[in-house]
């Protein structure tokens, strides 16, 4: 499998191309880690995991799902205006609304996302999807796609999605 992956990457590189950030670069192996454990293990979602714990959503996101999570990185949270994260962490209802705005019911692959123009979130609001140049969710870039988990899929985004007020 390592040789096949290396050959695929080498072939793309040799042809002068590179895989798009929103395309998976290899067939993902089945995983036994759920969304929360996968986020913890990645190391770049410590703020997201802290927020999930504060909102009381750990059990839900460790549940059977399936869920599709547009997961903002720690850098995405750092881009929020000063005081925004602290205010959200202090208001469980608003925090829950923001976090569930990042979740779509079902297991939606990047190929499926790229074919959509909008999706309804678990929070109840809709996110817009633009796949004309990469994939953007409400303007946030999908920087890594198709991180498979035992109960869904994670697509990494570079901006925190805030639901309309």
Protein backbone atom coordinates (compact mmCIF):
# COMPACT_ATOMS: atom_id res chain seq x y z
CA UNK A 1 0.00 0.00 0.00
CA UNK A 2 2.87 2.38 0.84
CA UNK A 3 4.40 1.70 -2.57
CA UNK A 4 1.08 2.34 -4.31
CA UNK A 5 0.61 5.65 -2.46
CA UNK A 6 4.21 6.68 -3.19
CA UNK A 7 3.75 5.80 -6.87
CA UNK A 8 0.52 7.79 -7.05
CA UNK A 9 2.10 10.86 -5.44
CA UNK A 10 5.21 10.49 -7.57
CA UNK A 11 3.09 10.17 -10.71
CA UNK A 12 1.15 13.32 -9.93
CA UNK A 13 4.32 15.22 -9.08
CA UNK A 14 6.16 13.98 -12.16
CA UNK A 15 3.34 15.22 -14.37
CA UNK A 16 3.72 18.70 -12.90
CA UNK A 17 0.48 18.58 -10.96
CA UNK A 18 -0.39 18.35 -7.34
CA UNK A 19 -3.43 16.97 -5.61
CA UNK A 20 -5.93 19.65 -4.59
CA UNK A 21 -6.18 20.22 -0.86
CA UNK A 22 -9.81 19.17 -0.94
CA UNK A 23 -9.15 15.86 -2.68
CA UNK A 24 -8.13 12.79 -0.75
CA UNK A 25 -4.64 11.68 -1.81
CA UNK A 26 -5.09 8.01 -0.99
CA UNK A 27 -7.75 5.50 -0.12
CA UNK A 28 -8.26 5.85 3.62
CA UNK A 29 -8.00 2.78 5.77
CA UNK A 30 -10.97 1.90 7.95
CA UNK A 31 -10.71 3.46 11.38
CA UNK A 32 -12.02 2.61 14.79
CA UNK A 33 -11.59 6.14 16.16
CA UNK A 34 -14.69 8.31 16.38
CA UNK A 35 -14.87 12.01 15.50
CA UNK A 36 -13.82 13.21 18.96
CA UNK A 37 -10.90 10.79 19.34
CA UNK A 38 -9.73 11.57 15.81
CA UNK A 39 -9.81 15.32 16.56
CA UNK A 40 -7.92 14.80 19.82
CA UNK A 41 -5.31 12.64 18.09
CA UNK A 42 -4.76 15.13 15.27
CA UNK A 43 -3.36 17.73 17.65
CA UNK A 44 -4.59 20.73 15.66
CA UNK A 45 -8.11 20.80 17.10
CA UNK A 46 -7.46 21.47 20.81
CA UNK A 47 -9.73 24.52 20.86
CA UNK A 48 -12.49 22.65 19.03
CA UNK A 49 -12.24 19.74 21.45
CA UNK A 50 -12.31 22.14 24.43
CA UNK A 51 -15.44 23.74 22.98
CA UNK A 52 -17.08 20.34 22.32
CA UNK A 53 -16.46 19.41 25.97
CA UNK A 54 -17.76 22.77 27.24
CA UNK A 55 -20.95 22.39 25.18
CA UNK A 56 -21.54 18.85 26.43
CA UNK A 57 -21.38 17.40 22.91
CA UNK A 58 -18.73 14.73 23.48
CA UNK A 59 -21.21 11.86 23.90
CA UNK A 60 -23.17 12.97 20.84
CA UNK A 61 -20.08 13.16 18.62
CA UNK A 62 -18.86 9.82 19.95
CA UNK A 63 -22.29 8.34 19.13
CA UNK A 64 -23.18 6.28 16.08
CA UNK A 65 -23.86 9.21 13.74
CA UNK A 66 -22.95 9.29 11.01
CA UNK A 67 -21.86 12.93 11.08
CA UNK A 68 -19.97 15.17 8.71
CA UNK A 69 -17.99 17.77 10.64
CA UNK A 70 -16.49 20.89 9.08
CA UNK A 71 -13.78 21.19 11.73
CA UNK A 72 -12.04 24.53 12.30
CA UNK A 73 -8.40 24.28 13.33
CA UNK A 74 -6.84 26.03 16.30
CA UNK A 75 -5.59 28.68 13.82
CA UNK A 76 -9.18 29.22 12.67
CA UNK A 77 -10.30 29.88 16.24
CA UNK A 78 -7.36 32.25 16.70
CA UNK A 79 -8.75 34.39 13.84
CA UNK A 80 -11.96 35.15 15.79
CA UNK A 81 -12.21 38.71 17.13
CA UNK A 82 -10.79 39.17 20.62
CA UNK A 83 -13.16 37.96 23.32
CA UNK A 84 -15.41 35.96 20.96
CA UNK A 85 -14.15 32.53 22.00
CA UNK A 86 -14.31 33.37 25.71
CA UNK A 87 -17.86 34.69 25.29
CA UNK A 88 -18.90 31.51 23.48
CA UNK A 89 -17.31 29.27 26.10
CA UNK A 90 -19.25 31.20 28.77
CA UNK A 91 -22.60 30.78 26.96
CA UNK A 92 -23.38 27.08 26.48
CA UNK A 93 -26.44 27.71 24.28
CA UNK A 94 -24.56 29.96 21.84
CA UNK A 95 -21.55 27.65 21.87
CA UNK A 96 -23.76 24.66 21.08
CA UNK A 97 -25.38 26.59 18.23
CA UNK A 98 -21.98 27.48 16.75
CA UNK A 99 -20.64 23.95 17.06
CA UNK A 100 -23.72 22.23 15.65
CA UNK A 101 -23.59 24.72 12.73
CA UNK A 102 -20.38 22.88 11.75
CA UNK A 103 -22.13 19.48 11.58
CA UNK A 104 -24.21 17.95 8.81
CA UNK A 105 -26.10 14.71 9.41
CA UNK A 106 -24.80 11.80 7.36
CA UNK A 107 -21.48 10.77 5.93
CA UNK A 108 -20.84 13.34 3.19
CA UNK A 109 -17.62 12.84 1.24
CA UNK A 110 -15.67 15.67 -0.38
CA UNK A 111 -16.89 14.53 -3.79
CA UNK A 112 -20.48 14.83 -2.58
CA UNK A 113 -19.82 18.21 -0.93
CA UNK A 114 -18.28 19.53 -4.16
CA UNK A 115 -21.52 18.71 -5.97
CA UNK A 116 -23.70 20.64 -3.52
CA UNK A 117 -24.57 24.33 -3.31
CA UNK A 118 -25.83 24.26 0.27
CA UNK A 119 -26.32 21.91 3.20
CA UNK A 120 -28.57 21.96 6.24
CA UNK A 121 -26.66 21.72 9.49
CA UNK A 122 -27.62 19.92 12.67
CA UNK A 123 -28.13 23.40 14.17
CA UNK A 124 -30.92 23.91 11.61
CA UNK A 125 -29.29 26.64 9.54
CA UNK A 126 -27.91 26.27 6.06
CA UNK A 127 -24.31 26.66 4.91
CA UNK A 128 -23.47 27.67 1.36
CA UNK A 129 -21.00 25.61 -0.62
CA UNK A 130 -18.87 26.98 -3.44
CA UNK A 131 -16.75 24.48 -5.35
CA UNK A 132 -15.79 26.77 -8.23
CA UNK A 133 -12.18 27.05 -7.00
CA UNK A 134 -11.44 24.52 -4.31
CA UNK A 135 -14.26 23.99 -1.83
CA UNK A 136 -15.53 26.76 0.44
CA UNK A 137 -18.16 26.50 3.15
CA UNK A 138 -19.62 29.94 3.92
CA UNK A 139 -16.31 31.34 2.67
CA UNK A 140 -14.15 29.02 4.79
CA UNK A 141 -11.66 26.99 2.76
CA UNK A 142 -11.69 23.22 3.10
CA UNK A 143 -7.96 22.64 3.61
CA UNK A 144 -8.09 18.88 4.16
CA UNK A 145 -10.94 16.57 3.28
CA UNK A 146 -12.18 13.08 3.92
CA UNK A 147 -10.67 12.25 7.29
CA UNK A 148 -12.67 9.10 7.87
CA UNK A 149 -13.80 8.16 11.36
CA UNK A 150 -15.84 5.29 12.75
CA UNK A 151 -18.92 7.52 12.91
CA UNK A 152 -18.52 9.92 10.00
CA UNK A 153 -16.07 12.16 8.22
CA UNK A 154 -14.14 15.32 9.05
CA UNK A 155 -13.37 18.09 6.56
CA UNK A 156 -10.87 20.59 7.98
CA UNK A 157 -11.67 24.29 7.47
CA UNK A 158 -9.62 27.44 8.04
CA UNK A 159 -12.35 29.65 9.52
CA UNK A 160 -14.92 29.22 12.28
CA UNK A 161 -18.47 29.22 10.88
CA UNK A 162 -20.83 31.51 12.76
CA UNK A 163 -24.56 30.96 12.24
CA UNK A 164 -26.62 33.94 11.11
CA UNK A 165 -28.13 35.82 14.01
